[in-house]
Amino acid sequence: MSKEILINITPQETRVAILENGMLHDLYIERSRNRGLVGNVYKGKVVRVLPGMEAAFVEIGLEKAAFLHVSDVAQISKNSSEQVHIGQLLREGQQILVQVLKDQLGTKGARLTTNITIPSRYLVFMPNADNIGVSSRIESESERERLKNYLLEQEDRIKDAGYIIRTAAEVADKEAIASDIKYLNRLWENINNTADVKPGNVVHKDLPLYLRVLRDMVDEDLEIIRVDSREKCNNMLEFANRYVPEVSAFIEHYPGERPVFDLHAVEDEIQKGLERKVQLKSGGYLIIDQTEAMTTIDVNTGGFVGSRNLEETIFKTNLEAAQGIARQLRLRNLGGIVILDFIDMLEEEHKRQVMRALEKALEKDHARTSISEVSSLGLVEMTRKRTRESLEHVLCGTCPTCEGRGTIKTAETVCFEIFREILREARLFDAKELLVLAAQDVVDLLVDEESSSLAELEDFIGIPIKFQVEELFTQEQYDVVIL
């Protein structure tokens, strides 16, 4: 598999597109006015302890107080069998060092932890832990032991702290591990020195997006990193030469006049990533509905008729849909509960193969996923870790016409509402004449198809009714004015 990383930088925002075999799979967006907070370390102040929720709210300088659950408090002993309550660990007014786990999502405040983790290229430093782990993606047992021994041999390693060896360390030597440890030690010393920092202030900011690319998104499949800003490209080269020299050779400035995202059709893919319907190559399609509680994905055969029989057609559509679903989850950054409605399959072997295809497609996903078996209703329940807002929430806002419902009342429905409002007004007030203000389509329907009903209503109330089109009204808006 070939992997390209395209970076589009403007003063207002940075966008990173990750292409696998020429197709967009991941998109990261960071705006200068609203940078993500995940990974930032703050000096917080506990403003409220909620024993009933086993949680606390912590003030870290944001609009909303952030949420800290008891399970994310570092003082809990993992070996203790006794249940520890939030009131035993925190008190109101207490100052603590916290790290953001999840950005603010919708109406929910940021999620915090006191189990601080500081990543470098090859390691993750955990000052409040005492264990050493190795990424599960490093499968070779001998390689895992080699890297663990490299780490244990380092004299600069903080002995009572924990470390995780990242997947990228698979190609690292002892010197590279030693360099990472020195870097992490300096960083932790700066973070831990918070005596002069007031509560609510940031202690440590994570790297900007274009530099996080070098730390977190480079692997053995990478072929090129194209950056359309010469200044940021030079910054990336300086950072790479200092911390990840093996990546320097992949960084390239893109000087072309045509936007780098247009050159690789990324803009078109972003637009498709906002649409409800996703077309599959075979002719089938997916319908993706995102709600606050969960995301549902429905699979349909569409124009795909197959060549053998119905069961084979359904099986092939579901196999293709499994690949498409995995890609859309990453592209749209859909998190939380996801319900997949595959087309019902009769053969158990077909069900197993579709599930295996889905699991394999999700292996490349950086977010943690968990999948259930196909239920008796043909549904697959899965979860995907959510740390940042979805593509739709980043790029879109609530529609002012439908207010997020996705539908609006028909002109006919609004007409009947107007009839009921006219009756109400006529009974309550001594009016000589009524003026109805409404949208063009509603007025057209009232004076055309509903003209006979309107004439009967005028006779019934004994008051003339006039109409006026309001260009600024949506189809659902209207007003009945007494003259």
Protein backbone atom coordinates (compact mmCIF):
# COMPACT_ATOMS: atom_id res chain seq x y z
CA MET A 1 0.00 0.00 0.00
CA SER A 2 1.32 3.46 -0.93
CA LYS A 3 0.58 6.37 1.38
CA GLU A 4 0.75 10.09 0.58
CA ILE A 5 0.19 12.97 2.98
CA LEU A 6 -0.98 16.29 1.52
CA ILE A 7 -0.85 19.41 3.71
CA ASN A 8 -2.76 22.55 2.73
CA ILE A 9 -1.91 25.56 4.91
CA THR A 10 -3.53 29.01 5.00
CA PRO A 11 -3.39 31.63 7.79
CA GLN A 12 -6.88 30.57 8.85
CA GLU A 13 -6.62 26.77 8.84
CA THR A 14 -4.45 23.75 8.26
CA ARG A 15 -5.81 20.68 6.45
CA VAL A 16 -4.06 17.33 6.26
CA ALA A 17 -5.28 14.65 3.82
CA ILE A 18 -3.98 11.09 4.01
CA LEU A 19 -4.26 9.18 0.74
CA GLU A 20 -3.89 5.41 0.58
CA ASN A 21 -3.41 4.05 -2.94
CA GLY A 22 -4.50 7.44 -4.27
CA MET A 23 -7.80 7.50 -2.34
CA LEU A 24 -8.62 9.86 0.55
CA HIS A 25 -9.03 7.96 3.83
CA ASP A 26 -8.33 10.49 6.60
CA LEU A 27 -8.83 14.23 6.84
CA TYR A 28 -7.66 16.43 9.71
CA ILE A 29 -8.65 20.09 10.02
CA GLU A 30 -7.24 22.59 12.52
CA ARG A 31 -8.46 26.18 12.52
CA SER A 32 -6.37 28.96 14.04
CA ARG A 33 -9.37 30.39 15.92
CA ASN A 34 -10.49 27.04 17.28
CA ARG A 35 -7.57 24.67 17.70
CA GLY A 36 -8.32 21.26 19.18
CA LEU A 37 -7.47 20.82 22.85
CA VAL A 38 -6.74 17.08 22.96
CA GLY A 39 -3.30 16.49 24.46
CA ASN A 40 -3.06 19.93 26.09
CA VAL A 41 -2.12 19.97 29.79
CA TYR A 42 -3.79 22.52 32.10
CA LYS A 43 -3.54 23.56 35.71
CA GLY A 44 -7.16 23.08 36.72
CA LYS A 45 -9.30 23.95 39.70
CA VAL A 46 -12.02 21.62 40.94
CA VAL A 47 -15.24 23.66 41.04
CA ARG A 48 -17.74 20.91 41.83
CA VAL A 49 -17.59 17.33 43.09
CA LEU A 50 -20.57 15.10 42.22
CA PRO A 51 -20.58 11.91 44.35
CA GLY A 52 -23.74 10.69 42.62
CA MET A 53 -21.96 10.68 39.26
CA GLU A 54 -18.53 9.73 40.69
CA ALA A 55 -17.16 12.73 38.79
CA ALA A 56 -16.03 16.31 39.17
CA PHE A 57 -16.17 19.47 37.09
CA VAL A 58 -12.85 21.24 36.66
CA GLU A 59 -12.28 24.81 35.53
CA ILE A 60 -9.50 25.01 32.91
CA GLY A 61 -10.28 28.37 31.32
CA LEU A 62 -12.89 27.23 28.79
CA GLU A 63 -16.50 28.41 28.40
CA LYS A 64 -17.76 25.21 30.04
CA ALA A 65 -16.24 23.43 33.00
CA ALA A 66 -14.56 20.20 31.90
CA PHE A 67 -15.60 16.72 33.09
CA LEU A 68 -13.33 14.42 35.12
CA HIS A 69 -14.57 10.91 35.96
CA VAL A 70 -13.24 8.96 38.92
CA SER A 71 -11.77 6.32 36.59
CA ASP A 72 -9.54 9.01 35.04
CA VAL A 73 -8.01 10.12 38.33
CA ALA A 74 -4.39 8.94 38.61
CA GLN A 75 -4.37 8.32 42.36
CA ILE A 76 -6.50 5.20 42.01
CA SER A 77 -4.43 2.09 42.64
CA LYS A 78 -5.00 -0.40 39.83
CA ASN A 79 -4.19 -3.27 42.16
CA SER A 80 -6.63 -2.23 44.86
CA SER A 81 -9.83 -4.27 45.08
CA GLU A 82 -11.55 -1.56 47.12
CA GLN A 83 -13.84 0.87 45.33
CA VAL A 84 -12.52 4.41 45.52
CA HIS A 85 -15.02 7.29 45.44
CA ILE A 86 -14.50 10.70 43.89
CA GLY A 87 -14.95 12.44 47.25
CA GLN A 88 -11.91 10.59 48.61
CA LEU A 89 -9.70 11.85 45.79
CA LEU A 90 -10.84 15.41 45.06
CA ARG A 91 -12.31 18.36 46.92
CA GLU A 92 -13.75 21.65 45.72
CA GLY A 93 -11.10 24.33 45.26
CA GLN A 94 -8.29 21.79 44.81
CA GLN A 95 -5.70 22.57 42.12
CA ILE A 96 -4.70 19.65 39.88
CA LEU A 97 -2.76 18.99 36.69
CA VAL A 98 -5.08 17.61 33.99
CA GLN A 99 -4.90 16.67 30.32
CA VAL A 100 -7.70 16.90 27.75
CA LEU A 101 -8.86 13.47 26.53
CA LYS A 102 -11.75 14.67 24.33
CA ASP A 103 -12.60 18.05 22.87
CA GLN A 104 -15.89 19.77 23.63
CA LEU A 105 -18.51 17.97 21.52
CA GLY A 106 -21.85 19.68 21.01
CA THR A 107 -23.32 20.51 24.42
CA LYS A 108 -20.77 18.42 26.31
CA GLY A 109 -17.68 19.94 27.90
CA ALA A 110 -14.17 18.61 27.42
CA ARG A 111 -13.27 15.24 29.01
CA LEU A 112 -10.19 15.25 31.28
CA THR A 113 -7.75 12.85 32.88
CA THR A 114 -5.01 13.21 35.48
CA ASN A 115 -3.26 10.20 33.89
CA ILE A 116 -1.07 12.45 31.76
CA THR A 117 0.57 10.99 28.64
CA ILE A 118 3.28 12.76 26.65
CA PRO A 119 4.04 11.27 23.22
CA SER A 120 7.28 11.47 21.28
CA ARG A 121 8.18 9.77 18.01
CA TYR A 122 8.86 6.33 19.50
CA LEU A 123 7.58 6.48 23.07
CA VAL A 124 4.67 7.63 25.19
CA PHE A 125 5.72 8.84 28.66
CA MET A 126 3.26 8.28 31.54
CA PRO A 127 4.50 10.05 34.69
CA ASN A 128 1.65 8.72 36.87
CA ALA A 129 2.07 5.05 35.84
CA ASP A 130 4.77 2.47 36.53
CA ASN A 131 4.40 -0.09 33.74
CA ILE A 132 6.16 -0.55 30.40
CA GLY A 133 4.02 -1.55 27.42
CA VAL A 134 4.60 -2.26 23.75
CA SER A 135 2.20 -1.40 20.92
CA SER A 136 0.04 -4.39 19.97
CA ARG A 137 0.79 -3.65 16.32
CA ILE A 138 4.35 -4.86 16.87
CA GLU A 139 3.59 -8.57 16.58
CA SER A 140 7.07 -10.13 16.64
CA GLU A 141 7.82 -11.34 20.17
CA SER A 142 11.58 -11.01 19.67
CA GLU A 143 11.13 -7.42 18.45
CA ARG A 144 8.97 -6.58 21.45
CA GLU A 145 11.62 -7.95 23.80
CA ARG A 146 14.42 -6.11 21.99
CA LEU A 147 12.67 -2.76 22.29
CA LYS A 148 11.70 -3.36 25.90
CA ASN A 149 15.34 -4.17 26.77
CA TYR A 150 16.53 -1.03 24.96
CA LEU A 151 14.21 1.01 27.16
CA LEU A 152 15.13 -0.72 30.41
CA GLU A 153 18.84 -0.17 29.73
CA GLN A 154 18.46 3.63 29.51
CA GLU A 155 20.01 5.34 32.54
CA ASP A 156 18.05 8.56 31.92
CA ARG A 157 14.74 6.71 32.14
CA ILE A 158 12.61 7.87 35.07
CA LYS A 159 12.41 4.66 37.11
CA ASP A 160 9.02 5.11 38.80
CA ALA A 161 7.23 6.28 35.62
CA GLY A 162 5.58 4.31 32.84
CA TYR A 163 6.32 4.13 29.11
CA ILE A 164 4.61 2.74 26.02
CA ILE A 165 6.74 1.80 23.02
CA ARG A 166 4.94 3.02 19.90
CA THR A 167 4.56 1.18 16.58
CA ALA A 168 7.03 3.57 14.92
CA ALA A 169 9.77 2.25 17.25
CA GLU A 170 9.91 -1.01 15.30
CA VAL A 171 12.71 0.49 13.17
CA ALA A 172 14.37 2.42 16.03
CA ASP A 173 17.80 1.68 17.47
CA LYS A 174 19.07 2.22 21.01
CA GLU A 175 20.32 5.77 20.26
CA ALA A 176 16.92 6.82 18.94
CA ILE A 177 15.21 5.51 22.10
CA ALA A 178 17.77 7.35 24.26
CA SER A 179 17.16 10.60 22.35
CA ASP A 180 13.41 10.29 22.85
CA ILE A 181 13.83 9.76 26.59
CA LYS A 182 15.96 12.90 26.95
CA TYR A 183 13.37 14.90 25.01
CA LEU A 184 10.52 13.58 27.18
CA ASN A 185 12.44 14.28 30.39
CA ARG A 186 12.97 17.93 29.42
CA LEU A 187 9.34 18.28 28.43
CA TRP A 188 8.03 16.74 31.66
CA GLU A 189 10.31 18.96 33.75
CA ASN A 190 8.80 22.05 32.09
CA ILE A 191 5.24 20.74 32.50
CA ASN A 192 5.72 19.74 36.14
CA ASN A 193 7.10 23.15 37.10
CA THR A 194 3.70 24.80 37.67
CA ALA A 195 4.27 26.71 40.91
CA ASP A 196 3.85 30.09 39.20
CA VAL A 197 0.99 29.03 36.92
CA LYS A 198 -2.50 30.17 37.89
CA PRO A 199 -5.44 27.72 37.71
CA GLY A 200 -7.23 27.80 34.35
CA ASN A 201 -4.05 28.31 32.34
CA VAL A 202 -2.49 25.95 29.84
CA VAL A 203 0.79 24.38 30.97
CA HIS A 204 1.65 22.51 27.79
CA LYS A 205 0.17 22.76 24.28
CA ASP A 206 0.38 19.86 21.92
CA LEU A 207 2.20 20.40 18.63
CA PRO A 208 0.32 22.13 15.77
CA LEU A 209 -1.29 19.78 13.26
CA TYR A 210 1.38 20.07 10.56
CA LEU A 211 4.08 18.96 13.04
CA ARG A 212 1.93 16.22 14.61
CA VAL A 213 1.94 14.67 11.15
CA LEU A 214 5.67 13.92 11.56
CA ARG A 215 5.20 12.50 15.03
CA ASP A 216 2.02 10.46 14.65
CA MET A 217 1.16 9.77 11.00
CA VAL A 218 4.40 8.48 9.46
CA ASP A 219 4.81 4.73 8.91
CA GLU A 220 6.59 2.30 6.61
CA ASP A 221 4.04 2.81 3.80
CA LEU A 222 4.75 6.54 3.48
CA GLU A 223 5.97 7.68 0.05
CA ILE A 224 5.77 11.49 0.21
CA ILE A 225 4.60 14.45 2.33
CA ARG A 226 3.62 17.40 0.13
CA VAL A 227 3.26 20.84 1.77
CA ASP A 228 1.98 23.86 -0.13
CA SER A 229 3.56 26.42 2.23
CA ARG A 230 7.31 27.00 1.87
CA GLU A 231 7.58 28.52 5.36
CA LYS A 232 5.83 25.59 7.08
CA CYS A 233 7.76 23.12 4.93
CA ASN A 234 11.01 24.62 6.25
CA ASN A 235 9.63 24.40 9.81
CA MET A 236 8.80 20.74 9.25
CA LEU A 237 12.29 20.04 7.89
CA GLU A 238 13.90 21.70 10.92
CA PHE A 239 11.67 19.71 13.29
CA ALA A 240 12.34 16.47 11.40
CA ASN A 241 16.13 17.00 11.32
CA ARG A 242 16.09 17.51 15.08
CA TYR A 243 13.68 14.79 16.23
CA VAL A 244 12.88 12.40 13.36
CA PRO A 245 15.74 12.65 10.82
CA GLU A 246 14.61 9.56 8.92
CA VAL A 247 11.44 11.43 7.85
CA SER A 248 13.24 14.45 6.32
CA ALA A 249 13.67 12.73 2.95
CA PHE A 250 9.89 12.41 2.54
CA ILE A 251 9.06 16.11 3.02
CA GLU A 252 8.59 18.09 -0.18
CA HIS A 253 7.36 21.60 -0.94
CA TYR A 254 4.55 21.77 -3.52
CA PRO A 255 5.04 24.95 -5.59
CA GLY A 256 2.31 24.42 -8.21
CA GLU A 257 -0.30 27.06 -9.03
CA ARG A 258 -3.10 24.53 -8.98
CA PRO A 259 -4.13 23.80 -5.32
CA VAL A 260 -2.61 20.54 -4.07
CA PHE A 261 -6.02 19.28 -2.88
CA ASP A 262 -7.55 19.92 -6.33
CA LEU A 263 -4.68 18.06 -8.00
CA HIS A 264 -5.58 14.88 -6.10
CA ALA A 265 -9.40 15.39 -6.16
CA VAL A 266 -9.46 15.80 -2.36
CA GLU A 267 -11.94 18.70 -2.46
CA ASP A 268 -14.44 16.51 -4.32
CA GLU A 269 -14.01 13.74 -1.75
CA ILE A 270 -14.57 16.19 1.11
CA GLN A 271 -17.81 17.28 -0.51
CA LYS A 272 -18.90 13.65 -0.88
CA GLY A 273 -18.00 13.09 2.78
CA LEU A 274 -20.74 15.55 3.74
CA GLU A 275 -23.45 13.86 1.68
CA ARG A 276 -25.95 11.42 3.12
CA LYS A 277 -25.70 8.97 0.22
CA VAL A 278 -22.41 7.26 -0.65
CA GLN A 279 -22.24 5.52 -4.01
CA LEU A 280 -20.40 2.18 -4.27
CA LYS A 281 -18.57 1.17 -7.46
CA SER A 282 -20.86 -1.80 -8.11
CA GLY A 283 -23.99 0.37 -8.16
CA GLY A 284 -24.97 -0.22 -4.54
CA TYR A 285 -24.92 2.61 -2.03
CA LEU A 286 -24.75 3.52 1.67
CA ILE A 287 -27.09 5.86 3.54
CA ILE A 288 -25.35 7.49 6.51
CA ASP A 289 -27.39 9.26 9.20
CA GLN A 290 -25.52 10.96 12.02
CA THR A 291 -27.40 11.82 15.23
CA GLU A 292 -26.25 12.86 18.69
CA ALA A 293 -26.92 9.40 20.13
CA MET A 294 -25.47 7.25 17.35
CA THR A 295 -24.68 6.92 13.65
CA THR A 296 -26.61 4.50 11.43
CA ILE A 297 -25.35 3.17 8.10
CA ASP A 298 -27.77 1.38 5.79
CA VAL A 299 -26.53 -0.79 2.90
CA ASN A 300 -28.57 -1.04 -0.32
CA THR A 301 -28.00 -2.93 -3.61
CA GLY A 302 -29.22 0.05 -5.65
CA GLY A 303 -28.46 -0.49 -9.35
CA PHE A 304 -26.31 -3.59 -8.76
CA VAL A 305 -28.17 -6.65 -10.13
CA GLY A 306 -25.31 -9.20 -10.06
CA SER A 307 -24.87 -12.04 -12.50
CA ARG A 308 -25.72 -15.29 -10.69
CA ASN A 309 -28.43 -15.11 -8.01
CA LEU A 310 -29.85 -12.81 -5.33
CA GLU A 311 -27.78 -14.24 -2.45
CA GLU A 312 -24.54 -13.76 -4.41
CA THR A 313 -25.57 -10.19 -5.33
CA ILE A 314 -26.29 -9.37 -1.68
CA PHE A 315 -23.01 -10.97 -0.55
CA LYS A 316 -20.91 -8.99 -3.04
CA THR A 317 -22.71 -5.75 -2.15
CA ASN A 318 -22.10 -6.31 1.57
CA LEU A 319 -18.40 -7.11 0.97
CA GLU A 320 -17.95 -3.88 -0.95
CA ALA A 321 -19.98 -2.00 1.66
CA ALA A 322 -17.65 -3.25 4.43
CA GLN A 323 -14.72 -1.54 2.70
CA GLY A 324 -16.77 1.59 2.06
CA ILE A 325 -17.99 1.77 5.67
CA ALA A 326 -14.46 1.53 7.09
CA ARG A 327 -13.33 4.34 4.78
CA GLN A 328 -16.31 6.58 5.60
CA LEU A 329 -15.84 6.12 9.36
CA ARG A 330 -12.28 7.43 9.01
CA LEU A 331 -13.00 10.15 6.45
CA ARG A 332 -16.00 11.55 8.36
CA ASN A 333 -14.39 10.79 11.75
CA LEU A 334 -17.59 9.20 13.02
CA GLY A 335 -17.35 8.14 16.66
CA GLY A 336 -19.43 6.65 19.45
CA ILE A 337 -22.05 4.00 18.70
CA VAL A 338 -22.42 2.99 15.04
CA ILE A 339 -25.22 0.66 13.81
CA LEU A 340 -24.56 -1.08 10.48
CA ASP A 341 -27.57 -2.45 8.60
CA PHE A 342 -26.12 -4.88 6.08
CA ILE A 343 -28.50 -6.51 3.60
CA ASP A 344 -29.82 -9.74 5.14
CA MET A 345 -27.74 -12.80 4.18
CA LEU A 346 -28.99 -16.38 4.45
CA GLU A 347 -25.67 -18.23 4.46
CA GLU A 348 -23.65 -18.17 7.69
CA GLU A 349 -20.36 -18.33 5.76
CA HIS A 350 -21.27 -15.15 3.91
CA LYS A 351 -21.95 -13.41 7.24
CA ARG A 352 -18.57 -14.52 8.58
CA GLN A 353 -16.74 -13.34 5.47
CA VAL A 354 -18.41 -9.91 5.59
CA MET A 355 -17.47 -9.54 9.26
CA ARG A 356 -13.87 -10.55 8.53
CA ALA A 357 -13.72 -8.05 5.67
CA LEU A 358 -15.01 -5.29 7.97
CA GLU A 359 -12.52 -6.16 10.72
CA LYS A 360 -9.63 -6.24 8.25
CA ALA A 361 -10.63 -2.89 6.74
CA LEU A 362 -10.75 -1.35 10.21
CA GLU A 363 -7.27 -2.58 11.17
CA LYS A 364 -5.72 0.51 9.53
CA ASP A 365 -7.96 2.84 11.55
CA HIS A 366 -5.99 4.80 14.17
CA ALA A 367 -9.11 5.12 16.36
CA ARG A 368 -9.95 2.13 18.54
CA THR A 369 -12.97 0.13 17.32
CA SER A 370 -15.01 -2.70 18.78
CA ILE A 371 -17.40 -4.81 16.67
CA SER A 372 -20.20 -7.18 17.67
CA GLU A 373 -21.47 -10.17 15.67
CA VAL A 374 -24.36 -9.92 13.19
CA SER A 375 -27.58 -9.87 15.24
CA SER A 376 -30.77 -11.80 14.47
CA LEU A 377 -32.06 -8.64 12.78
CA GLY A 378 -29.02 -8.48 10.53
CA LEU A 379 -27.55 -5.48 12.38
CA VAL A 380 -23.94 -5.03 13.44
CA GLU A 381 -23.28 -2.88 16.50
CA MET A 382 -19.87 -1.28 16.80
CA THR A 383 -18.15 1.54 18.63
CA ARG A 384 -15.37 3.84 17.47
CA LYS A 385 -13.40 5.99 19.88
CA ARG A 386 -14.34 9.64 19.58
CA THR A 387 -11.71 12.27 20.48
CA ARG A 388 -12.57 15.11 18.10
CA GLU A 389 -15.61 16.39 16.25
CA SER A 390 -16.80 14.73 13.08
CA LEU A 391 -16.20 16.23 9.63
CA GLU A 392 -19.83 17.33 9.47
CA HIS A 393 -19.65 19.14 12.82
CA VAL A 394 -16.39 20.86 11.87
CA LEU A 395 -17.51 22.08 8.44
CA CYS A 396 -21.28 22.48 8.84
CA GLY A 397 -23.80 24.18 11.11
CA THR A 398 -27.45 23.55 11.88
CA CYS A 399 -29.79 24.43 9.01
CA PRO A 400 -31.79 27.56 10.01
CA THR A 401 -34.78 26.39 7.97
CA CYS A 402 -35.27 22.88 9.35
CA GLU A 403 -33.30 23.48 12.60
CA GLY A 404 -31.45 20.20 12.24
CA ARG A 405 -34.47 17.96 11.63
CA GLY A 406 -33.51 17.31 8.03
CA THR A 407 -37.11 17.89 6.84
CA ILE A 408 -39.55 20.82 6.66
CA LYS A 409 -43.34 20.93 6.69
CA THR A 410 -44.95 20.80 3.26
CA ALA A 411 -46.70 23.85 1.85
CA GLU A 412 -50.02 21.98 2.24
CA THR A 413 -49.39 21.37 5.96
CA VAL A 414 -48.61 25.07 6.49
CA CYS A 415 -51.81 26.03 4.62
CA PHE A 416 -53.93 24.00 7.03
CA GLU A 417 -52.07 25.53 10.00
CA ILE A 418 -52.92 28.98 8.61
CA PHE A 419 -56.61 28.02 8.31
CA ARG A 420 -56.63 26.99 11.99
CA GLU A 421 -54.85 30.22 13.01
CA ILE A 422 -57.40 32.32 11.04
CA LEU A 423 -60.27 30.63 12.90
CA ARG A 424 -58.51 31.23 16.22
CA GLU A 425 -57.90 34.93 15.47
CA ALA A 426 -61.46 35.49 14.20
CA ARG A 427 -62.96 34.07 17.42
CA LEU A 428 -60.64 35.98 19.76
CA PHE A 429 -60.61 39.43 18.14
CA ASP A 430 -63.09 41.76 16.48
CA ALA A 431 -61.24 42.09 13.19
CA LYS A 432 -62.52 43.77 10.03
CA GLU A 433 -59.91 42.16 7.80
CA LEU A 434 -57.05 39.62 8.09
CA LEU A 435 -53.71 39.73 6.30
CA VAL A 436 -51.72 36.50 5.90
CA LEU A 437 -47.93 36.83 5.47
CA ALA A 438 -46.28 33.66 4.15
CA ALA A 439 -43.69 32.24 1.75
CA GLN A 440 -44.30 32.24 -2.01
CA ASP A 441 -45.11 28.50 -2.31
CA VAL A 442 -47.62 28.68 0.54
CA VAL A 443 -49.43 31.73 -0.86
CA ASP A 444 -49.54 30.14 -4.34
CA LEU A 445 -51.16 27.03 -2.89
CA LEU A 446 -53.68 29.05 -0.87
CA VAL A 447 -54.94 31.10 -3.84
CA ASP A 448 -54.84 28.22 -6.32
CA GLU A 449 -55.55 24.63 -5.16
CA GLU A 450 -57.00 25.69 -1.79
CA SER A 451 -59.03 28.61 -3.19
CA SER A 452 -62.38 26.85 -2.67
CA SER A 453 -61.51 26.01 0.93
CA LEU A 454 -60.42 29.60 1.44
CA ALA A 455 -63.73 30.93 0.06
CA GLU A 456 -65.67 28.64 2.45
CA LEU A 457 -63.56 29.89 5.36
CA GLU A 458 -64.23 33.56 4.46
CA ASP A 459 -67.98 32.88 4.32
CA PHE A 460 -67.81 31.07 7.67
CA ILE A 461 -65.98 33.84 9.59
CA GLY A 462 -67.50 36.73 7.62
CA ILE A 463 -64.16 38.53 7.31
CA PRO A 464 -62.18 39.13 4.09
CA ILE A 465 -58.68 37.60 3.95
CA LYS A 466 -55.74 39.09 2.03
CA PHE A 467 -52.33 37.59 1.26
CA GLN A 468 -48.85 38.98 1.00
CA VAL A 469 -45.67 37.13 0.01
CA GLU A 470 -42.73 37.59 2.39
CA GLU A 471 -39.47 36.82 0.57
CA LEU A 472 -37.51 36.34 3.80
CA PHE A 473 -39.95 33.80 5.28
CA THR A 474 -39.08 30.11 5.12
CA GLN A 475 -41.78 27.69 4.02
CA GLU A 476 -42.77 26.99 7.66
CA GLN A 477 -43.02 30.64 8.69
CA TYR A 478 -46.24 32.64 8.49
CA ASP A 479 -48.09 35.38 10.33
CA VAL A 480 -51.78 36.37 10.52
CA VAL A 481 -52.18 40.11 11.00
CA ILE A 482 -55.41 41.76 12.25
CA LEU A 483 -56.36 44.89 10.25
